[in-house]
Amino acid sequence: MYQHDGVCFEFPELWEVTDDDGDEIIRAINIECPNDGYYSIDIYNLEQAPSLESYIERSLKYFINELPFHCKIKGQPIREIEHAVNQNTETEGLKLKFTVRAFFILKIGYINSYFRVVSGNKVSFISSQYPNESAVESEDGFNKILSSYTIV
């Protein structure tokens, strides 16, 4: 269980909260897991929060810029509407599926999911990024975070 400065959520036992940083615009909480998954919660004040599409676009650009020189995304990501539950309320998000090609031969499939959760005067973007090969374990862990997430 994670509880700090009004944010609370559950996460799998072997996962670890690695950062909880904030400034005047955004508070960022990062969670890592042993299967190369990466999860984040970005919290904005309501009046400063971007749309879900803007957030996804910025996140994907950051992912692409962080790829090593010899890696690139193959084609366009496949977009799917995704449904999940947060505090017993169904919420809608977006899942991106894409392949990263490395060394001109190796191909690694990734899944990124994004949800926007509004609570009072705060907007939280809860996102995941993990390789296809760890999808079941990663989705279960992400759903645990998302379903238990609260902010006051």
Protein backbone atom coordinates (compact mmCIF):
# COMPACT_ATOMS: atom_id res chain seq x y z
CA MET A 1 0.00 0.00 0.00
CA TYR A 2 1.27 3.46 -0.91
CA GLN A 3 0.09 6.47 1.12
CA HIS A 4 1.76 9.88 0.88
CA ASP A 5 0.48 13.47 0.78
CA GLY A 6 -3.14 12.54 0.08
CA VAL A 7 -2.45 9.86 -2.54
CA CYS A 8 -3.24 6.25 -1.79
CA PHE A 9 -3.13 3.08 -3.92
CA GLU A 10 -2.27 -0.58 -3.72
CA PHE A 11 0.38 -2.26 -5.86
CA PRO A 12 1.86 -5.78 -6.16
CA GLU A 13 4.33 -6.89 -3.52
CA LEU A 14 7.50 -6.95 -5.65
CA TRP A 15 6.81 -3.62 -7.33
CA GLU A 16 8.44 -0.44 -6.04
CA VAL A 17 7.55 3.25 -5.95
CA THR A 18 10.75 4.85 -7.20
CA ASP A 19 9.91 8.59 -7.31
CA ASP A 20 7.37 10.99 -5.89
CA ASP A 21 8.36 14.41 -7.16
CA GLY A 22 6.33 17.54 -7.56
CA ASP A 23 6.42 21.17 -8.53
CA GLU A 24 3.83 23.92 -8.97
CA ILE A 25 2.30 22.26 -12.05
CA ILE A 26 2.64 18.49 -11.73
CA ARG A 27 3.26 15.80 -9.15
CA ALA A 28 4.77 12.62 -10.62
CA ILE A 29 4.76 9.21 -8.97
CA ASN A 30 6.67 6.41 -10.72
CA ILE A 31 6.32 2.70 -10.05
CA GLU A 32 8.60 -0.01 -11.42
CA CYS A 33 8.12 -3.74 -11.53
CA PRO A 34 10.56 -6.61 -12.05
CA ASN A 35 9.17 -7.53 -15.51
CA ASP A 36 10.36 -4.30 -17.21
CA GLY A 37 7.02 -2.57 -16.74
CA TYR A 38 6.84 1.12 -15.92
CA TYR A 39 3.84 2.83 -14.37
CA SER A 40 3.23 6.47 -13.58
CA ILE A 41 0.71 8.72 -11.94
CA ASP A 42 0.87 12.39 -12.92
CA ILE A 43 -1.30 14.70 -10.86
CA TYR A 44 -2.34 18.19 -12.03
CA ASN A 45 -4.55 20.90 -10.64
CA LEU A 46 -7.81 20.81 -12.57
CA GLU A 47 -7.23 24.12 -14.39
CA GLN A 48 -3.73 23.07 -15.57
CA ALA A 49 -4.52 19.52 -16.68
CA PRO A 50 -4.17 18.61 -20.36
CA SER A 51 -6.72 16.50 -22.22
CA LEU A 52 -6.15 12.75 -22.33
CA GLU A 53 -5.17 12.97 -26.01
CA SER A 54 -2.60 15.71 -25.33
CA TYR A 55 -1.18 13.74 -22.44
CA ILE A 56 -0.86 10.58 -24.57
CA GLU A 57 0.75 12.50 -27.44
CA ARG A 58 3.33 14.04 -25.11
CA SER A 59 3.99 10.69 -23.40
CA LEU A 60 4.50 8.86 -26.70
CA LYS A 61 6.88 11.57 -27.96
CA TYR A 62 8.90 11.22 -24.76
CA PHE A 63 9.00 7.41 -25.19
CA ILE A 64 10.22 7.76 -28.79
CA ASN A 65 12.88 10.31 -27.83
CA GLU A 66 14.20 8.00 -25.12
CA LEU A 67 14.65 5.03 -27.47
CA PRO A 68 18.28 4.14 -28.20
CA PHE A 69 19.68 5.30 -31.54
CA HIS A 70 19.22 1.93 -33.25
CA CYS A 71 15.56 1.51 -32.17
CA LYS A 72 12.34 2.89 -33.59
CA ILE A 73 8.60 2.27 -33.52
CA LYS A 74 7.45 0.18 -36.46
CA GLY A 75 4.32 1.67 -38.03
CA GLN A 76 1.60 3.49 -36.14
CA PRO A 77 0.37 2.36 -32.70
CA ILE A 78 -2.94 0.52 -32.67
CA ARG A 79 -5.44 2.38 -30.46
CA GLU A 80 -8.17 0.65 -28.47
CA ILE A 81 -10.72 2.07 -26.04
CA GLU A 82 -10.21 0.45 -22.65
CA HIS A 83 -12.53 0.24 -19.64
CA ALA A 84 -11.48 -0.12 -16.02
CA VAL A 85 -12.86 0.50 -12.55
CA ASN A 86 -11.63 3.18 -10.16
CA GLN A 87 -13.23 3.27 -6.71
CA ASN A 88 -16.25 1.26 -7.97
CA THR A 89 -16.81 3.63 -10.90
CA GLU A 90 -16.17 2.60 -14.49
CA THR A 91 -13.71 4.82 -16.29
CA GLU A 92 -12.65 4.90 -19.91
CA GLY A 93 -9.08 5.07 -21.13
CA LEU A 94 -6.99 4.31 -24.16
CA LYS A 95 -4.61 1.43 -24.88
CA LEU A 96 -1.82 1.71 -27.45
CA LYS A 97 -0.16 -1.38 -28.92
CA PHE A 98 3.00 -1.02 -30.96
CA THR A 99 6.23 -2.73 -31.90
CA VAL A 100 9.73 -1.39 -31.38
CA ARG A 101 12.33 -2.64 -33.84
CA ALA A 102 15.90 -2.87 -32.55
CA PHE A 103 19.08 -3.77 -34.41
CA PHE A 104 16.98 -4.09 -37.61
CA ILE A 105 15.95 -7.61 -36.54
CA LEU A 106 14.69 -7.79 -32.95
CA LYS A 107 11.06 -6.77 -32.48
CA ILE A 108 9.55 -6.05 -29.06
CA GLY A 109 5.81 -5.49 -28.66
CA TYR A 110 4.65 -2.92 -26.11
CA ILE A 111 1.34 -2.01 -24.54
CA ASN A 112 0.71 1.44 -23.06
CA SER A 113 -2.54 2.21 -21.24
CA TYR A 114 -3.75 5.65 -20.15
CA PHE A 115 -6.58 6.71 -17.85
CA ARG A 116 -7.68 10.17 -16.70
CA VAL A 117 -9.21 10.26 -13.21
CA VAL A 118 -10.81 13.46 -11.86
CA SER A 119 -11.20 13.88 -8.10
CA GLY A 120 -12.26 17.26 -6.74
CA ASN A 121 -9.82 19.88 -8.02
CA LYS A 122 -7.20 17.30 -9.11
CA VAL A 123 -6.76 15.39 -12.37
CA SER A 124 -4.62 12.26 -12.33
CA PHE A 125 -3.23 10.50 -15.38
CA ILE A 126 -2.51 6.88 -14.52
CA SER A 127 -0.50 5.10 -17.18
CA SER A 128 1.34 1.86 -17.82
CA GLN A 129 4.00 0.73 -20.24
CA TYR A 130 5.13 -2.88 -20.50
CA PRO A 131 6.28 -5.48 -23.02
CA ASN A 132 3.65 -7.84 -24.49
CA GLU A 133 5.43 -10.84 -22.99
CA SER A 134 4.49 -9.72 -19.47
CA ALA A 135 0.96 -8.57 -20.31
CA VAL A 136 -1.04 -10.73 -17.87
CA GLU A 137 1.07 -9.92 -14.81
CA SER A 138 1.41 -6.27 -15.81
CA GLU A 139 -2.30 -5.76 -16.48
CA ASP A 140 -3.21 -7.35 -13.14
CA GLY A 141 -0.80 -5.04 -11.31
CA PHE A 142 -1.95 -1.97 -13.22
CA ASN A 143 -5.59 -2.79 -12.49
CA LYS A 144 -4.71 -3.09 -8.79
CA ILE A 145 -3.19 0.41 -8.84
CA LEU A 146 -6.03 1.92 -10.88
CA SER A 147 -8.92 0.35 -8.97
CA SER A 148 -7.57 1.35 -5.54
CA TYR A 149 -6.29 4.83 -6.46
CA THR A 150 -7.58 7.77 -4.42
CA ILE A 151 -6.47 11.34 -3.93
CA VAL A 152 -7.72 13.88 -1.44
